Every structure is written in C-alpha cells, then in structure tokens.
N, C-alpha and C. Protein backbone atom coordinates (compact mmCIF):
# COMPACT_ATOMS: atom_id res chain seq x y z
N MET A 1 -47.38 -22.94 -43.22
CA MET A 1 -46.70 -22.42 -44.37
C MET A 1 -45.86 -23.50 -45.04
N ARG A 2 -45.71 -24.60 -44.40
CA ARG A 2 -44.94 -25.69 -44.99
C ARG A 2 -45.62 -26.19 -46.25
N GLY A 3 -44.85 -26.36 -47.30
CA GLY A 3 -45.39 -26.87 -48.54
C GLY A 3 -45.92 -25.80 -49.47
N HIS A 4 -46.02 -24.57 -49.01
CA HIS A 4 -46.51 -23.50 -49.86
C HIS A 4 -45.33 -22.90 -50.62
N SER A 5 -45.55 -22.59 -51.88
CA SER A 5 -44.48 -22.09 -52.73
C SER A 5 -44.89 -20.82 -53.44
N SER A 6 -43.89 -20.09 -53.84
CA SER A 6 -44.06 -18.92 -54.68
C SER A 6 -43.61 -19.31 -56.08
N TYR A 7 -44.41 -18.99 -57.10
CA TYR A 7 -44.09 -19.33 -58.48
C TYR A 7 -43.79 -18.05 -59.27
N ILE A 8 -42.78 -18.09 -60.08
CA ILE A 8 -42.44 -16.99 -60.96
C ILE A 8 -43.32 -17.10 -62.20
N ILE A 9 -44.09 -16.03 -62.52
CA ILE A 9 -44.95 -16.12 -63.70
C ILE A 9 -44.51 -15.20 -64.84
N THR A 10 -43.70 -14.19 -64.55
CA THR A 10 -43.17 -13.36 -65.63
C THR A 10 -41.88 -12.69 -65.17
N ILE A 11 -40.99 -12.47 -66.11
CA ILE A 11 -39.68 -11.89 -65.82
C ILE A 11 -39.32 -10.91 -66.94
N ILE A 12 -38.79 -9.77 -66.53
CA ILE A 12 -38.21 -8.83 -67.49
C ILE A 12 -36.75 -8.69 -67.10
N GLU A 13 -35.84 -9.06 -68.00
CA GLU A 13 -34.41 -9.05 -67.68
C GLU A 13 -33.66 -8.04 -68.54
N PRO A 14 -32.63 -7.43 -67.95
CA PRO A 14 -31.77 -6.59 -68.76
C PRO A 14 -30.93 -7.47 -69.69
N SER A 15 -30.40 -6.90 -70.75
CA SER A 15 -29.64 -7.69 -71.70
C SER A 15 -28.21 -7.98 -71.27
N LEU A 16 -27.68 -7.22 -70.32
CA LEU A 16 -26.28 -7.38 -69.93
C LEU A 16 -26.02 -8.52 -68.96
N ILE A 17 -26.90 -8.72 -68.01
CA ILE A 17 -26.67 -9.73 -66.98
C ILE A 17 -27.99 -10.39 -66.63
N ARG A 18 -27.94 -11.64 -66.31
CA ARG A 18 -29.15 -12.36 -65.96
C ARG A 18 -29.01 -13.03 -64.61
N VAL A 19 -30.08 -12.94 -63.82
CA VAL A 19 -30.18 -13.65 -62.56
C VAL A 19 -30.88 -14.95 -62.87
N GLY A 20 -30.56 -16.02 -62.17
CA GLY A 20 -31.06 -17.35 -62.52
C GLY A 20 -32.50 -17.64 -62.15
N TYR A 21 -33.42 -16.71 -62.32
CA TYR A 21 -34.83 -16.96 -62.10
C TYR A 21 -35.49 -17.19 -63.45
N ARG A 22 -36.36 -18.15 -63.50
CA ARG A 22 -37.05 -18.47 -64.75
C ARG A 22 -38.55 -18.62 -64.47
N VAL A 23 -39.36 -18.36 -65.50
CA VAL A 23 -40.79 -18.58 -65.37
C VAL A 23 -41.00 -20.03 -64.95
N GLY A 24 -41.84 -20.24 -63.97
CA GLY A 24 -42.09 -21.58 -63.45
C GLY A 24 -41.22 -21.97 -62.28
N SER A 25 -40.16 -21.18 -62.03
CA SER A 25 -39.31 -21.44 -60.85
C SER A 25 -40.18 -21.31 -59.61
N ARG A 26 -39.80 -22.01 -58.57
CA ARG A 26 -40.55 -21.89 -57.32
C ARG A 26 -39.61 -21.97 -56.14
N HIS A 27 -40.08 -21.40 -55.04
CA HIS A 27 -39.32 -21.44 -53.79
C HIS A 27 -40.30 -21.28 -52.64
N ARG A 28 -39.87 -21.66 -51.45
CA ARG A 28 -40.71 -21.55 -50.26
C ARG A 28 -41.10 -20.09 -50.04
N LEU A 29 -42.31 -19.86 -49.58
CA LEU A 29 -42.78 -18.50 -49.34
C LEU A 29 -41.98 -17.79 -48.24
N THR A 30 -41.39 -18.52 -47.35
CA THR A 30 -40.66 -17.91 -46.24
C THR A 30 -39.25 -17.49 -46.62
N VAL A 31 -38.86 -17.73 -47.88
CA VAL A 31 -37.52 -17.39 -48.35
C VAL A 31 -37.63 -16.46 -49.54
N GLY A 32 -36.93 -15.36 -49.51
CA GLY A 32 -36.93 -14.41 -50.62
C GLY A 32 -38.00 -13.34 -50.46
N ALA A 33 -37.73 -12.18 -51.03
CA ALA A 33 -38.60 -11.02 -50.88
C ALA A 33 -40.01 -11.27 -51.41
N ALA A 34 -40.13 -11.96 -52.53
CA ALA A 34 -41.45 -12.18 -53.14
C ALA A 34 -42.36 -12.99 -52.23
N GLY A 35 -41.87 -14.09 -51.71
CA GLY A 35 -42.69 -14.93 -50.83
C GLY A 35 -43.07 -14.21 -49.56
N ILE A 36 -42.13 -13.48 -48.99
CA ILE A 36 -42.41 -12.75 -47.75
C ILE A 36 -43.43 -11.65 -48.01
N ALA A 37 -43.34 -10.97 -49.15
CA ALA A 37 -44.32 -9.93 -49.49
C ALA A 37 -45.72 -10.54 -49.62
N ILE A 38 -45.82 -11.73 -50.17
CA ILE A 38 -47.12 -12.41 -50.27
C ILE A 38 -47.63 -12.79 -48.89
N LEU A 39 -46.77 -13.34 -48.05
CA LEU A 39 -47.20 -13.70 -46.70
C LEU A 39 -47.68 -12.48 -45.92
N ALA A 40 -47.08 -11.32 -46.18
CA ALA A 40 -47.47 -10.09 -45.47
C ALA A 40 -48.89 -9.66 -45.81
N LEU A 41 -49.43 -10.12 -46.94
CA LEU A 41 -50.81 -9.81 -47.29
C LEU A 41 -51.81 -10.67 -46.53
N ARG A 42 -51.36 -11.77 -46.02
CA ARG A 42 -52.24 -12.71 -45.31
C ARG A 42 -52.45 -12.24 -43.87
N PRO A 43 -53.49 -12.77 -43.22
CA PRO A 43 -53.69 -12.45 -41.80
C PRO A 43 -52.50 -12.94 -40.97
N ARG A 44 -52.25 -12.27 -39.85
CA ARG A 44 -51.16 -12.66 -38.95
C ARG A 44 -51.36 -14.09 -38.45
N ARG A 45 -50.23 -14.81 -38.32
CA ARG A 45 -50.26 -16.17 -37.80
C ARG A 45 -49.17 -16.32 -36.75
N PRO A 46 -49.42 -17.10 -35.72
CA PRO A 46 -48.39 -17.34 -34.72
C PRO A 46 -47.16 -17.98 -35.35
N GLY A 47 -45.98 -17.57 -34.92
CA GLY A 47 -44.75 -18.18 -35.39
C GLY A 47 -44.24 -17.67 -36.73
N GLU A 48 -44.85 -16.62 -37.26
CA GLU A 48 -44.37 -16.07 -38.53
C GLU A 48 -42.96 -15.51 -38.37
N PRO A 49 -42.19 -15.55 -39.44
CA PRO A 49 -40.88 -14.90 -39.39
C PRO A 49 -41.05 -13.39 -39.18
N GLU A 50 -40.12 -12.78 -38.48
CA GLU A 50 -40.15 -11.33 -38.24
C GLU A 50 -40.20 -10.56 -39.54
N ALA A 51 -39.58 -11.09 -40.59
CA ALA A 51 -39.56 -10.40 -41.88
C ALA A 51 -40.97 -10.18 -42.42
N VAL A 52 -41.90 -11.08 -42.12
CA VAL A 52 -43.28 -10.93 -42.58
C VAL A 52 -43.93 -9.74 -41.90
N GLU A 53 -43.76 -9.62 -40.60
CA GLU A 53 -44.33 -8.49 -39.87
C GLU A 53 -43.69 -7.18 -40.34
N ALA A 54 -42.39 -7.19 -40.57
CA ALA A 54 -41.70 -5.99 -41.07
C ALA A 54 -42.25 -5.59 -42.43
N ALA A 55 -42.53 -6.57 -43.29
CA ALA A 55 -43.08 -6.27 -44.62
C ALA A 55 -44.49 -5.69 -44.50
N ARG A 56 -45.26 -6.17 -43.54
CA ARG A 56 -46.60 -5.58 -43.31
C ARG A 56 -46.46 -4.12 -42.89
N ARG A 57 -45.56 -3.89 -41.98
CA ARG A 57 -45.34 -2.54 -41.45
C ARG A 57 -44.81 -1.58 -42.53
N ASP A 58 -43.82 -2.05 -43.30
CA ASP A 58 -43.13 -1.19 -44.25
C ASP A 58 -43.79 -1.13 -45.62
N GLY A 59 -44.58 -2.16 -45.96
CA GLY A 59 -45.21 -2.22 -47.27
C GLY A 59 -44.34 -2.90 -48.32
N TYR A 60 -43.17 -3.38 -47.92
CA TYR A 60 -42.26 -4.06 -48.83
C TYR A 60 -41.30 -4.93 -48.02
N CYS A 61 -40.58 -5.80 -48.73
CA CYS A 61 -39.59 -6.67 -48.11
C CYS A 61 -38.28 -6.56 -48.89
N VAL A 62 -37.17 -6.59 -48.18
CA VAL A 62 -35.85 -6.63 -48.80
C VAL A 62 -35.13 -7.86 -48.28
N THR A 63 -34.58 -8.66 -49.18
CA THR A 63 -33.75 -9.79 -48.77
C THR A 63 -32.45 -9.77 -49.56
N ALA A 64 -31.45 -10.41 -49.01
CA ALA A 64 -30.15 -10.46 -49.68
C ALA A 64 -29.60 -11.88 -49.61
N GLY A 65 -29.26 -12.43 -50.77
CA GLY A 65 -28.62 -13.74 -50.85
C GLY A 65 -29.46 -14.92 -50.45
N GLN A 66 -30.77 -14.77 -50.36
CA GLN A 66 -31.60 -15.89 -49.92
C GLN A 66 -31.90 -16.89 -51.03
N LEU A 67 -32.06 -16.42 -52.25
CA LEU A 67 -32.37 -17.33 -53.35
C LEU A 67 -31.19 -17.53 -54.29
N GLU A 68 -30.35 -16.53 -54.37
CA GLU A 68 -29.16 -16.62 -55.20
C GLU A 68 -28.06 -15.78 -54.56
N ARG A 69 -26.90 -16.35 -54.41
CA ARG A 69 -25.80 -15.65 -53.76
C ARG A 69 -25.53 -14.31 -54.44
N GLY A 70 -25.47 -13.26 -53.63
CA GLY A 70 -25.19 -11.92 -54.14
C GLY A 70 -26.39 -11.16 -54.64
N ALA A 71 -27.54 -11.81 -54.74
CA ALA A 71 -28.74 -11.14 -55.25
C ALA A 71 -29.48 -10.44 -54.12
N VAL A 72 -29.97 -9.24 -54.41
CA VAL A 72 -30.80 -8.48 -53.49
C VAL A 72 -32.18 -8.37 -54.11
N GLY A 73 -33.21 -8.71 -53.34
CA GLY A 73 -34.58 -8.63 -53.83
C GLY A 73 -35.38 -7.62 -53.04
N VAL A 74 -36.25 -6.90 -53.72
CA VAL A 74 -37.18 -5.96 -53.09
C VAL A 74 -38.55 -6.28 -53.68
N ALA A 75 -39.55 -6.52 -52.83
CA ALA A 75 -40.89 -6.88 -53.32
C ALA A 75 -41.98 -6.27 -52.45
N SER A 76 -43.12 -6.04 -53.08
CA SER A 76 -44.30 -5.52 -52.38
C SER A 76 -45.51 -6.32 -52.85
N GLY A 77 -46.40 -6.64 -51.92
CA GLY A 77 -47.59 -7.40 -52.27
C GLY A 77 -48.58 -6.61 -53.10
N ILE A 78 -49.30 -7.31 -53.95
CA ILE A 78 -50.36 -6.72 -54.76
C ILE A 78 -51.68 -7.24 -54.21
N GLU A 79 -52.49 -6.33 -53.69
CA GLU A 79 -53.78 -6.75 -53.16
C GLU A 79 -54.75 -6.95 -54.30
N VAL A 80 -55.41 -8.10 -54.29
CA VAL A 80 -56.40 -8.44 -55.32
C VAL A 80 -57.74 -8.67 -54.63
N PRO A 81 -58.84 -8.59 -55.37
CA PRO A 81 -60.14 -8.81 -54.74
C PRO A 81 -60.20 -10.18 -54.05
N SER A 82 -60.83 -10.23 -52.88
CA SER A 82 -60.93 -11.49 -52.16
C SER A 82 -61.78 -12.48 -52.94
N GLY A 83 -61.51 -13.73 -52.72
CA GLY A 83 -62.25 -14.78 -53.40
C GLY A 83 -61.68 -15.20 -54.74
N THR A 84 -60.64 -14.53 -55.21
CA THR A 84 -60.06 -14.89 -56.50
C THR A 84 -59.10 -16.07 -56.38
N GLY A 85 -58.57 -16.28 -55.16
CA GLY A 85 -57.59 -17.34 -54.97
C GLY A 85 -56.21 -16.95 -55.47
N ILE A 86 -56.05 -15.69 -55.85
CA ILE A 86 -54.77 -15.21 -56.38
C ILE A 86 -54.02 -14.43 -55.30
N GLU A 87 -52.74 -14.71 -55.19
CA GLU A 87 -51.85 -13.94 -54.33
C GLU A 87 -50.70 -13.49 -55.23
N ALA A 88 -50.35 -12.22 -55.17
CA ALA A 88 -49.34 -11.71 -56.09
C ALA A 88 -48.47 -10.65 -55.44
N CYS A 89 -47.32 -10.44 -56.07
CA CYS A 89 -46.43 -9.37 -55.64
C CYS A 89 -45.65 -8.87 -56.84
N LEU A 90 -45.01 -7.75 -56.66
CA LEU A 90 -44.15 -7.17 -57.67
C LEU A 90 -42.79 -6.98 -57.04
N GLY A 91 -41.74 -7.35 -57.74
CA GLY A 91 -40.42 -7.22 -57.15
C GLY A 91 -39.33 -6.99 -58.17
N VAL A 92 -38.19 -6.58 -57.67
CA VAL A 92 -37.00 -6.43 -58.49
C VAL A 92 -35.86 -7.19 -57.82
N VAL A 93 -34.94 -7.68 -58.63
CA VAL A 93 -33.76 -8.38 -58.12
C VAL A 93 -32.55 -7.80 -58.84
N ALA A 94 -31.50 -7.56 -58.09
CA ALA A 94 -30.26 -7.05 -58.68
C ALA A 94 -29.08 -7.75 -58.02
N LEU A 95 -27.99 -7.83 -58.75
CA LEU A 95 -26.79 -8.44 -58.21
C LEU A 95 -25.85 -7.45 -57.55
N ASP A 96 -25.89 -6.19 -57.99
CA ASP A 96 -24.94 -5.24 -57.44
C ASP A 96 -25.44 -3.82 -57.64
N GLY A 97 -25.18 -2.98 -56.68
CA GLY A 97 -25.44 -1.57 -56.85
C GLY A 97 -26.90 -1.14 -56.82
N LEU A 98 -27.78 -1.96 -56.28
CA LEU A 98 -29.19 -1.60 -56.23
C LEU A 98 -29.40 -0.51 -55.17
N ASP A 99 -30.03 0.57 -55.55
CA ASP A 99 -30.44 1.60 -54.60
C ASP A 99 -31.72 1.07 -53.96
N VAL A 100 -31.59 0.43 -52.80
CA VAL A 100 -32.71 -0.26 -52.16
C VAL A 100 -33.85 0.71 -51.83
N ALA A 101 -33.52 1.90 -51.34
CA ALA A 101 -34.57 2.86 -50.99
C ALA A 101 -35.36 3.27 -52.24
N ALA A 102 -34.68 3.56 -53.33
CA ALA A 102 -35.37 3.94 -54.57
C ALA A 102 -36.17 2.76 -55.12
N ALA A 103 -35.59 1.56 -55.06
CA ALA A 103 -36.30 0.37 -55.54
C ALA A 103 -37.55 0.13 -54.70
N ALA A 104 -37.45 0.26 -53.38
CA ALA A 104 -38.60 0.05 -52.51
C ALA A 104 -39.72 1.05 -52.82
N THR A 105 -39.35 2.30 -53.00
CA THR A 105 -40.34 3.33 -53.33
C THR A 105 -41.04 2.99 -54.64
N ALA A 106 -40.28 2.62 -55.65
CA ALA A 106 -40.84 2.31 -56.96
C ALA A 106 -41.71 1.06 -56.92
N VAL A 107 -41.25 0.03 -56.22
CA VAL A 107 -41.99 -1.23 -56.15
C VAL A 107 -43.31 -1.04 -55.40
N VAL A 108 -43.27 -0.33 -54.29
CA VAL A 108 -44.50 -0.08 -53.52
C VAL A 108 -45.49 0.72 -54.37
N ARG A 109 -45.02 1.76 -55.03
CA ARG A 109 -45.89 2.59 -55.86
C ARG A 109 -46.53 1.75 -56.98
N ALA A 110 -45.72 0.98 -57.68
CA ALA A 110 -46.23 0.16 -58.78
C ALA A 110 -47.20 -0.91 -58.28
N ALA A 111 -46.89 -1.54 -57.15
CA ALA A 111 -47.79 -2.56 -56.59
C ALA A 111 -49.13 -1.95 -56.22
N ARG A 112 -49.12 -0.74 -55.66
CA ARG A 112 -50.39 -0.06 -55.31
C ARG A 112 -51.18 0.29 -56.57
N GLU A 113 -50.48 0.75 -57.61
CA GLU A 113 -51.17 1.06 -58.87
C GLU A 113 -51.82 -0.18 -59.46
N ILE A 114 -51.09 -1.30 -59.45
CA ILE A 114 -51.65 -2.55 -59.97
C ILE A 114 -52.82 -3.00 -59.12
N SER A 115 -52.70 -2.89 -57.79
CA SER A 115 -53.79 -3.26 -56.89
C SER A 115 -55.05 -2.45 -57.22
N ALA A 116 -54.89 -1.15 -57.46
CA ALA A 116 -56.02 -0.31 -57.79
C ALA A 116 -56.66 -0.73 -59.11
N LEU A 117 -55.83 -1.07 -60.09
CA LEU A 117 -56.34 -1.49 -61.39
C LEU A 117 -57.12 -2.80 -61.31
N VAL A 118 -56.61 -3.77 -60.58
CA VAL A 118 -57.29 -5.07 -60.53
C VAL A 118 -58.49 -5.05 -59.59
N SER A 119 -58.59 -4.04 -58.75
CA SER A 119 -59.72 -3.93 -57.83
C SER A 119 -60.82 -3.03 -58.37
N ALA A 120 -60.56 -2.36 -59.49
CA ALA A 120 -61.55 -1.42 -60.05
C ALA A 120 -62.71 -2.14 -60.70
C-alpha cells in the first residue's frame, strides 16, 4: 500500500464553511475515511489496518481528525465493474455536529445506488 494515494475528483461544499479539501488533493489510502473505504473493496491483505476490515464488515468507514484537525469523515466504497481500473468511494466530511449514524446510512445507500448504476 506504500505509495498508493487517494485523489479528490469532485467536491460539493456548503456556502457557510469550507474544509480544506480541493480537487486534485491526495493522501495515503491508509489515512482518512475515503482511502480506507477504497481499501475495503480490495481483497484482504496481510498487515492491513483494522479500520479496513471494519469498513468491509460495516460497509463504511468513519475517521476523525486524520486529514484535517476537527474533521470527521464518513465514506463507503463504490463497486465498479472489474477491469476498469477505477476505484471509487462516496463520502462526507464535517467539522462539527455530524450525525455519524445518519451520515453512514446515507453514504452507504448512495454508494450502493451508484454501484448499481455503473454496473448496469
């Protein structure tokens, strides 16, 4: 997993507050909800972080303060047809007051809907 990165390709931000993520930003896959959600789509590997296995089990990942202090991220992997070379996830990030359970439910549902659309 060394050297592998997660790239931000699109962002929808509220007008009141902005988190410091930008299109083209990148970070290690083992850090942050998005990268962990992507790793959870891959086959199991020895030495994986426990968070990857938890994301496989739960269908989503929650992290706090890993990419930006005070930020909470919730992400779920999007399954795409094999052979495309694409790995994707859907996630939300908030600085305060995020209802993690509601966010997880919404993110998992939306990721499954997108997976169904791209696999049709």
